[in-house]
Amino acid sequence: MTGSQSDGRLSEVKFLTVAEVATVMRVSKMTVYRLVHSGELTAVRVGRSFRVPEHAVHEYLRGAFQETA
């Protein structure tokens, strides 16, 4: 894979703030921070805040749903 191909895919990734993730998951922001710090939810640090790839939220919820099923 060349650099331009990976850059193209990266530009397609939608990043969510911790507050947006909390809203989607219907949990508190502190819960999202705990998931990020424990490594259960993938996130990227941007300055002093975190951004979570949207696909990571979907993967986490899919995994949590499968555990309860």
Protein backbone atom coordinates (compact mmCIF):
# COMPACT_ATOMS: atom_id res chain seq x y z
CA MET A 1 0.00 0.00 0.00
CA THR A 2 1.40 3.37 -0.94
CA GLY A 3 1.30 6.47 1.23
CA SER A 4 -1.34 8.15 -0.92
CA GLN A 5 -3.70 5.17 -0.56
CA SER A 6 -3.45 5.13 3.22
CA ASP A 7 -3.84 8.92 3.36
CA GLY A 8 -7.03 8.61 1.30
CA ARG A 9 -8.51 6.05 3.66
CA LEU A 10 -7.52 8.06 6.71
CA SER A 11 -9.32 11.11 5.36
CA GLU A 12 -12.50 9.01 5.16
CA VAL A 13 -12.40 8.19 8.89
CA LYS A 14 -14.90 10.17 10.93
CA PHE A 15 -13.66 11.08 14.39
CA LEU A 16 -16.01 11.75 17.29
CA THR A 17 -15.43 13.76 20.44
CA VAL A 18 -15.81 12.11 23.84
CA ALA A 19 -19.10 13.98 24.30
CA GLU A 20 -20.40 12.69 20.95
CA VAL A 21 -19.42 9.12 21.83
CA ALA A 22 -21.17 9.47 25.19
CA THR A 23 -24.32 10.63 23.43
CA VAL A 24 -24.25 7.76 20.92
CA MET A 25 -23.66 5.19 23.65
CA ARG A 26 -25.99 6.91 26.14
CA VAL A 27 -23.36 6.91 28.88
CA SER A 28 -21.48 9.65 30.71
CA LYS A 29 -18.30 11.25 29.37
CA MET A 30 -16.45 9.74 32.33
CA THR A 31 -17.47 6.25 31.18
CA VAL A 32 -16.04 6.99 27.73
CA TYR A 33 -12.79 8.25 29.30
CA ARG A 34 -12.57 5.03 31.35
CA LEU A 35 -13.05 2.92 28.21
CA VAL A 36 -10.35 4.91 26.40
CA HIS A 37 -7.85 4.73 29.28
CA SER A 38 -8.44 0.98 29.76
CA GLY A 39 -7.82 0.36 26.06
CA GLU A 40 -11.29 -1.07 25.45
CA LEU A 41 -12.10 1.82 23.09
CA THR A 42 -9.55 3.02 20.53
CA ALA A 43 -8.86 6.75 20.57
CA VAL A 44 -6.33 9.26 19.30
CA ARG A 45 -5.01 12.01 21.51
CA VAL A 46 -5.21 15.46 19.89
CA GLY A 47 -3.61 18.01 22.17
CA ARG A 48 -5.32 17.62 25.52
CA SER A 49 -8.44 15.88 24.18
CA PHE A 50 -9.32 12.55 22.61
CA ARG A 51 -10.93 11.73 19.29
CA VAL A 52 -12.53 8.35 18.77
CA PRO A 53 -12.87 6.83 15.28
CA GLU A 54 -16.55 6.20 14.59
CA HIS A 55 -15.81 2.62 13.51
CA ALA A 56 -14.22 1.96 16.93
CA VAL A 57 -17.49 2.88 18.64
CA HIS A 58 -19.44 0.53 16.37
CA GLU A 59 -16.93 -2.29 16.95
CA TYR A 60 -17.09 -1.82 20.72
CA LEU A 61 -20.89 -1.84 20.74
CA ARG A 62 -21.00 -4.88 18.43
CA GLY A 63 -18.65 -6.73 20.78
CA ALA A 64 -20.63 -5.70 23.86
CA PHE A 65 -23.86 -6.80 22.18
CA GLN A 66 -22.41 -10.20 21.26
CA GLU A 67 -21.27 -10.77 24.87
CA THR A 68 -24.83 -10.30 26.14
CA ALA A 69 -26.41 -12.46 23.42
